[in-house]
Protein backbone atom coordinates (compact mmCIF):
# COMPACT_ATOMS: atom_id res chain seq x y z
CA MET A 1 -31.98 2.58 9.07
CA ARG A 2 -34.92 3.15 6.75
CA LYS A 3 -34.51 4.21 3.12
CA ALA A 4 -36.01 7.65 3.79
CA ASP A 5 -33.55 8.21 6.65
CA TRP A 6 -30.63 7.18 4.45
CA LYS A 7 -31.85 9.48 1.68
CA ARG A 8 -32.03 12.43 4.05
CA GLN A 9 -28.57 11.67 5.44
CA ILE A 10 -27.01 11.29 1.98
CA ILE A 11 -28.49 14.59 0.79
CA GLU A 12 -27.15 16.29 3.91
CA LYS A 13 -23.68 14.83 3.34
CA CYS A 14 -23.72 15.94 -0.31
CA LYS A 15 -24.71 19.44 0.72
CA ASN A 16 -21.97 19.49 3.36
CA VAL A 17 -19.27 18.80 0.77
CA GLY A 18 -20.93 20.91 -1.90
CA THR A 19 -21.74 18.14 -4.37
CA TYR A 20 -25.54 18.08 -4.06
CA ARG A 21 -27.50 18.53 -7.28
CA SER A 22 -31.18 17.68 -7.67
CA ASP A 23 -30.16 15.78 -10.81
CA PHE A 24 -28.44 13.29 -8.48
CA LEU A 25 -31.71 12.27 -6.78
CA PRO A 26 -32.06 8.99 -8.72
CA ALA A 27 -28.55 7.95 -7.61
CA ILE A 28 -29.29 9.06 -4.05
CA ILE A 29 -32.53 7.06 -3.99
CA THR A 30 -30.76 3.99 -5.36
CA LEU A 31 -27.97 4.35 -2.80
CA SER A 32 -30.47 4.71 0.03
CA ALA A 33 -32.21 1.49 -1.09
CA ILE A 34 -28.86 -0.33 -1.23
CA LEU A 35 -27.97 0.85 2.27
CA GLU A 36 -31.36 -0.15 3.66
CA GLU A 37 -30.96 -3.65 2.17
CA ARG A 38 -27.36 -3.85 3.42
CA ASP A 39 -28.54 -3.04 6.95
CA ARG A 40 -31.31 -5.65 6.73
CA VAL A 41 -28.89 -8.35 5.54
CA TYR A 42 -26.39 -7.48 8.28
CA LYS A 43 -29.08 -7.71 10.98
CA GLN A 44 -30.09 -11.12 9.66
CA TYR A 45 -26.42 -12.21 9.55
CA VAL A 46 -25.93 -11.17 13.19
CA ALA A 47 -29.25 -12.72 14.26
CA GLU A 48 -28.18 -16.04 12.73
CA GLY A 49 -24.93 -16.07 14.70
CA ALA A 50 -22.55 -14.03 12.51
CA GLN A 51 -20.77 -17.11 11.25
CA PRO A 52 -18.51 -16.19 8.29
CA VAL A 53 -18.21 -19.87 7.29
CA ILE A 54 -21.10 -22.31 7.38
CA ASP A 55 -21.61 -25.98 6.62
CA ARG A 56 -23.43 -26.67 3.35
CA THR A 57 -24.78 -30.07 2.43
CA SER A 58 -24.52 -31.02 -1.23
CA ASP A 59 -27.22 -32.91 -3.09
CA ARG A 60 -25.10 -36.06 -2.58
CA GLY A 61 -25.06 -35.56 1.18
CA ALA A 62 -21.49 -34.31 1.52
CA VAL A 63 -20.99 -31.57 4.09
CA ASN A 64 -18.65 -28.79 2.97
CA LYS A 65 -17.58 -25.48 4.44
CA SER A 66 -18.56 -22.41 2.48
CA LYS A 67 -18.74 -18.67 2.89
CA ASN A 68 -22.00 -17.56 4.49
CA PRO A 69 -24.25 -16.23 1.68
CA LEU A 70 -25.48 -13.43 3.96
CA LEU A 71 -21.90 -12.24 4.47
CA ALA A 72 -21.24 -12.42 0.73
CA THR A 73 -24.42 -10.43 0.02
CA TRP A 74 -23.51 -7.85 2.66
CA GLN A 75 -20.04 -7.42 1.14
CA ASP A 76 -21.50 -7.05 -2.37
CA LEU A 77 -23.95 -4.41 -1.15
CA ASN A 78 -21.06 -2.55 0.53
CA LYS A 79 -19.15 -2.54 -2.77
CA ASP A 80 -22.21 -1.28 -4.63
CA ALA A 81 -22.77 1.43 -2.04
CA LEU A 82 -19.13 2.51 -2.22
CA SER A 83 -19.38 3.10 -5.96
CA TYR A 84 -22.42 5.34 -5.39
CA TRP A 85 -20.68 7.19 -2.52
CA ARG A 86 -17.75 7.76 -4.88
CA ASP A 87 -19.97 8.96 -7.73
CA LEU A 88 -21.67 11.44 -5.41
CA GLY A 89 -18.31 12.82 -4.28
CA LEU A 90 -18.66 11.45 -0.75
CA THR A 91 -15.27 9.74 -0.65
CA PRO A 92 -11.88 11.44 -0.98
CA ALA A 93 -11.31 9.74 -4.34
CA GLY A 94 -14.80 10.62 -5.55
CA LEU A 95 -14.46 14.24 -4.51
CA LYS A 96 -11.08 14.45 -6.24
CA LYS A 97 -12.62 12.98 -9.41
CA ILE A 98 -15.42 15.55 -9.35
CA GLY A 99 -12.94 18.27 -8.52
CA ASP A 100 -12.23 19.83 -5.18
CA ASP A 101 -13.96 23.10 -6.08
CA PRO A 102 -16.98 22.26 -3.91
CA MET A 103 -14.67 21.84 -0.92
CA LYS A 104 -12.85 25.10 -1.41
CA SER A 105 -14.09 27.63 1.03
CA GLN A 106 -16.08 30.51 -0.26
CA LYS A 107 -13.99 33.00 1.68
CA THR A 108 -13.25 36.22 -0.11
CA SER A 109 -10.43 38.61 0.46
CA ALA A 110 -10.85 41.80 2.41
CA LEU A 111 -10.37 43.76 -0.84
CA ALA A 112 -13.17 41.81 -2.54
CA GLU A 113 -15.46 42.45 0.42
CA ALA A 114 -14.65 46.17 0.32
CA LEU A 115 -15.32 46.32 -3.42
CA ARG A 116 -18.58 44.45 -2.99
CA GLY A 117 -19.62 47.06 -0.41
CA LEU A 118 -19.14 49.82 -3.00
CA GLU A 119 -21.73 48.35 -5.37
């Protein structure tokens, strides 16, 4: 997904849970760039065979098994993205940290509605 699409989706999610603030745009833009890069790395990982372990040849010619750098990068980008999701209140833990006030419904009692009608 493109960065602009991620940005739009993140803003929508923030609005859905009631945590959207225009002050958060820099974090949202950064998160959208991380997610775009994560998607690109994952596509490359899959295109190259999705091998979690690859053979690496040392400068002395020895062949050793090692974790695929694309997989490591993808996992790092996921961790980075998760911290932004949390900061924006888009995970249960993040929303709890912000406070669950945004999630509380804005329903008012019948009495409050009646009193509002008298104004």
